[in-house]
């Protein structure tokens, strides 16, 4: 069982490193939001409170569905 945990940790570590490398190649740091006001070639969104509230509403809806409260 300890062997499986080591394999899982190695796989997760490799995936995280690949993600960070792809972000760096895209020209930004992980977690950094880049403005697309003048440059439409990038697909990084500008921070938007409307988008944030929409994502929060979707998460709330899914949570309610899981608890079968949605009616």
N, C-alpha and C. Protein backbone atom coordinates (compact mmCIF):
# COMPACT_ATOMS: atom_id res chain seq x y z
N UNK A 1 0.82 -1.18 0.00
CA UNK A 1 0.00 0.00 0.00
C UNK A 1 0.87 1.25 0.00
N UNK A 2 1.99 1.21 0.71
CA UNK A 2 2.90 2.35 0.75
C UNK A 2 3.47 2.62 -0.64
N UNK A 3 3.64 1.54 -1.40
CA UNK A 3 4.17 1.66 -2.75
C UNK A 3 3.20 2.42 -3.66
N UNK A 4 1.90 2.16 -3.50
CA UNK A 4 0.88 2.87 -4.28
C UNK A 4 0.85 4.35 -3.95
N UNK A 5 1.02 4.69 -2.69
CA UNK A 5 1.05 6.10 -2.29
C UNK A 5 2.24 6.81 -2.91
N UNK A 6 3.38 6.15 -2.96
CA UNK A 6 4.57 6.75 -3.56
C UNK A 6 4.36 6.97 -5.06
N UNK A 7 3.71 6.01 -5.72
CA UNK A 7 3.42 6.16 -7.15
C UNK A 7 2.47 7.33 -7.38
N UNK A 8 1.45 7.44 -6.53
CA UNK A 8 0.48 8.52 -6.65
C UNK A 8 1.15 9.87 -6.42
N UNK A 9 2.01 9.96 -5.42
CA UNK A 9 2.71 11.21 -5.14
C UNK A 9 3.62 11.60 -6.30
N UNK A 10 4.28 10.64 -6.90
CA UNK A 10 5.15 10.92 -8.05
C UNK A 10 4.33 11.40 -9.25
N UNK A 11 3.19 10.79 -9.48
CA UNK A 11 2.33 11.19 -10.61
C UNK A 11 1.79 12.60 -10.41
N UNK A 12 1.36 12.91 -9.20
CA UNK A 12 0.83 14.25 -8.91
C UNK A 12 1.93 15.29 -9.04
N UNK A 13 3.10 14.99 -8.52
CA UNK A 13 4.23 15.91 -8.62
C UNK A 13 4.59 16.20 -10.07
N UNK A 14 4.60 15.17 -10.89
CA UNK A 14 4.91 15.33 -12.31
C UNK A 14 3.85 16.19 -13.00
N UNK A 15 2.59 15.98 -12.66
CA UNK A 15 1.51 16.76 -13.27
C UNK A 15 1.60 18.23 -12.87
N UNK A 16 1.90 18.50 -11.61
CA UNK A 16 2.03 19.88 -11.14
C UNK A 16 3.20 20.57 -11.83
N UNK A 17 4.31 19.88 -11.95
CA UNK A 17 5.48 20.46 -12.62
C UNK A 17 5.18 20.74 -14.09
N UNK A 18 4.47 19.86 -14.76
CA UNK A 18 4.11 20.08 -16.16
C UNK A 18 3.18 21.28 -16.29
N UNK A 19 2.25 21.44 -15.37
CA UNK A 19 1.34 22.58 -15.40
C UNK A 19 2.10 23.88 -15.21
N UNK A 20 2.98 23.92 -14.22
CA UNK A 20 3.77 25.13 -13.97
C UNK A 20 4.64 25.47 -15.17
N UNK A 21 5.23 24.48 -15.77
CA UNK A 21 6.07 24.71 -16.94
C UNK A 21 5.24 25.26 -18.10
N UNK A 22 4.05 24.74 -18.32
CA UNK A 22 3.21 25.23 -19.41
C UNK A 22 2.77 26.67 -19.16
N UNK A 23 2.51 27.01 -17.89
CA UNK A 23 2.15 28.39 -17.54
C UNK A 23 3.32 29.33 -17.79
N UNK A 24 4.53 28.90 -17.46
CA UNK A 24 5.69 29.74 -17.67
C UNK A 24 5.96 29.92 -19.16
N UNK A 25 5.72 28.91 -19.94
CA UNK A 25 5.91 29.03 -21.38
C UNK A 25 4.87 29.96 -21.99
N UNK A 26 3.71 30.05 -21.37
CA UNK A 26 2.67 30.94 -21.87
C UNK A 26 2.97 32.39 -21.52
N UNK A 27 3.94 32.63 -20.66
CA UNK A 27 4.37 33.98 -20.35
C UNK A 27 3.79 34.56 -19.08
N UNK A 28 3.28 33.73 -18.20
CA UNK A 28 2.75 34.24 -16.95
C UNK A 28 3.11 33.29 -15.82
N UNK A 29 3.03 33.80 -14.63
CA UNK A 29 3.26 32.98 -13.44
C UNK A 29 1.96 32.28 -13.08
N UNK A 30 2.03 31.12 -12.44
CA UNK A 30 0.81 30.43 -12.02
C UNK A 30 -0.01 31.32 -11.09
N UNK A 31 -1.29 31.42 -11.37
CA UNK A 31 -2.17 32.21 -10.53
C UNK A 31 -2.24 33.67 -10.93
N UNK A 32 -1.38 34.12 -11.83
CA UNK A 32 -1.38 35.51 -12.25
C UNK A 32 -2.42 35.71 -13.34
N UNK A 33 -3.21 36.75 -13.21
CA UNK A 33 -4.23 37.03 -14.21
C UNK A 33 -3.70 38.07 -15.18
N UNK A 34 -3.87 37.82 -16.44
CA UNK A 34 -3.35 38.69 -17.48
C UNK A 34 -4.51 39.37 -18.18
N UNK A 35 -4.38 40.66 -18.41
CA UNK A 35 -5.41 41.42 -19.09
C UNK A 35 -5.42 41.10 -20.58
N UNK A 36 -6.61 40.98 -21.13
CA UNK A 36 -6.73 40.72 -22.57
C UNK A 36 -7.32 41.92 -23.29
N UNK A 37 -7.24 43.10 -22.68
CA UNK A 37 -7.88 44.28 -23.25
C UNK A 37 -7.35 44.58 -24.65
N UNK A 38 -6.03 44.58 -24.83
CA UNK A 38 -5.48 44.93 -26.13
C UNK A 38 -4.97 43.75 -26.91
N UNK A 39 -4.72 42.65 -26.24
CA UNK A 39 -4.11 41.49 -26.89
C UNK A 39 -5.10 40.34 -26.89
N UNK A 40 -5.72 40.07 -28.01
CA UNK A 40 -6.73 39.01 -28.11
C UNK A 40 -6.13 37.65 -28.38
N UNK A 41 -4.80 37.54 -28.52
CA UNK A 41 -4.20 36.25 -28.81
C UNK A 41 -4.11 35.37 -27.57
N UNK A 42 -4.20 35.96 -26.39
CA UNK A 42 -4.15 35.18 -25.14
C UNK A 42 -5.56 34.87 -24.68
N UNK A 43 -5.70 33.77 -24.00
CA UNK A 43 -7.02 33.37 -23.54
C UNK A 43 -7.17 33.53 -22.03
N UNK A 44 -6.32 34.33 -21.40
CA UNK A 44 -6.42 34.53 -19.96
C UNK A 44 -7.47 35.59 -19.67
N UNK A 45 -8.42 35.31 -18.80
CA UNK A 45 -9.48 36.26 -18.53
C UNK A 45 -9.03 37.39 -17.60
N UNK A 46 -9.67 38.52 -17.74
CA UNK A 46 -9.49 39.62 -16.82
C UNK A 46 -10.37 39.32 -15.61
N UNK A 47 -9.93 39.69 -14.41
CA UNK A 47 -10.73 39.43 -13.23
C UNK A 47 -12.08 40.13 -13.35
N UNK A 48 -13.13 39.40 -13.11
CA UNK A 48 -14.48 39.96 -13.20
C UNK A 48 -15.31 39.47 -12.02
N UNK A 49 -15.83 40.40 -11.24
CA UNK A 49 -16.69 39.97 -10.13
C UNK A 49 -17.95 39.26 -10.61
N UNK A 50 -18.43 39.60 -11.81
CA UNK A 50 -19.60 38.93 -12.36
C UNK A 50 -19.30 37.47 -12.66
N UNK A 51 -18.14 37.22 -13.24
CA UNK A 51 -17.75 35.83 -13.53
C UNK A 51 -17.55 35.05 -12.24
N UNK A 52 -16.95 35.70 -11.25
CA UNK A 52 -16.73 35.05 -9.96
C UNK A 52 -18.07 34.68 -9.31
N UNK A 53 -19.04 35.60 -9.35
CA UNK A 53 -20.33 35.29 -8.73
C UNK A 53 -21.06 34.19 -9.51
N UNK A 54 -20.87 34.15 -10.83
CA UNK A 54 -21.48 33.09 -11.63
C UNK A 54 -20.91 31.73 -11.29
N UNK A 55 -19.58 31.66 -11.13
CA UNK A 55 -18.96 30.39 -10.76
C UNK A 55 -19.40 29.96 -9.37
N UNK A 56 -19.53 30.94 -8.46
CA UNK A 56 -19.99 30.63 -7.10
C UNK A 56 -21.42 30.10 -7.12
N UNK A 57 -22.27 30.70 -7.94
CA UNK A 57 -23.66 30.24 -8.05
C UNK A 57 -23.72 28.82 -8.59
N UNK A 58 -22.89 28.52 -9.58
CA UNK A 58 -22.87 27.15 -10.12
C UNK A 58 -22.42 26.15 -9.06
N UNK A 59 -21.40 26.53 -8.28
CA UNK A 59 -20.93 25.62 -7.22
C UNK A 59 -22.01 25.41 -6.17
N UNK A 60 -22.73 26.49 -5.81
CA UNK A 60 -23.81 26.37 -4.84
C UNK A 60 -24.92 25.46 -5.37
N UNK A 61 -25.27 25.63 -6.65
CA UNK A 61 -26.31 24.80 -7.26
C UNK A 61 -25.91 23.34 -7.24
N UNK A 62 -24.67 23.06 -7.60
CA UNK A 62 -24.21 21.66 -7.60
C UNK A 62 -24.19 21.08 -6.19
N UNK A 63 -23.79 21.88 -5.21
CA UNK A 63 -23.78 21.42 -3.83
C UNK A 63 -25.20 21.11 -3.37
N UNK A 64 -26.14 21.98 -3.70
CA UNK A 64 -27.53 21.75 -3.33
C UNK A 64 -28.08 20.50 -4.02
N UNK A 65 -27.69 20.31 -5.27
CA UNK A 65 -28.13 19.12 -5.99
C UNK A 65 -27.59 17.86 -5.32
N UNK A 66 -26.34 17.93 -4.88
CA UNK A 66 -25.75 16.78 -4.21
C UNK A 66 -26.47 16.48 -2.90
N UNK A 67 -26.89 17.49 -2.21
CA UNK A 67 -27.62 17.29 -0.96
C UNK A 67 -29.11 17.09 -1.18
N UNK A 68 -29.52 17.13 -2.43
CA UNK A 68 -30.91 16.94 -2.82
C UNK A 68 -31.84 17.99 -2.19
N UNK A 69 -31.31 19.19 -2.04
CA UNK A 69 -32.10 20.30 -1.52
C UNK A 69 -32.77 21.02 -2.68
N UNK A 70 -32.15 20.97 -3.84
CA UNK A 70 -32.68 21.66 -5.00
C UNK A 70 -34.06 21.08 -5.32
N UNK A 71 -35.01 21.94 -5.49
CA UNK A 71 -36.29 21.34 -5.64
C UNK A 71 -37.15 21.85 -6.68
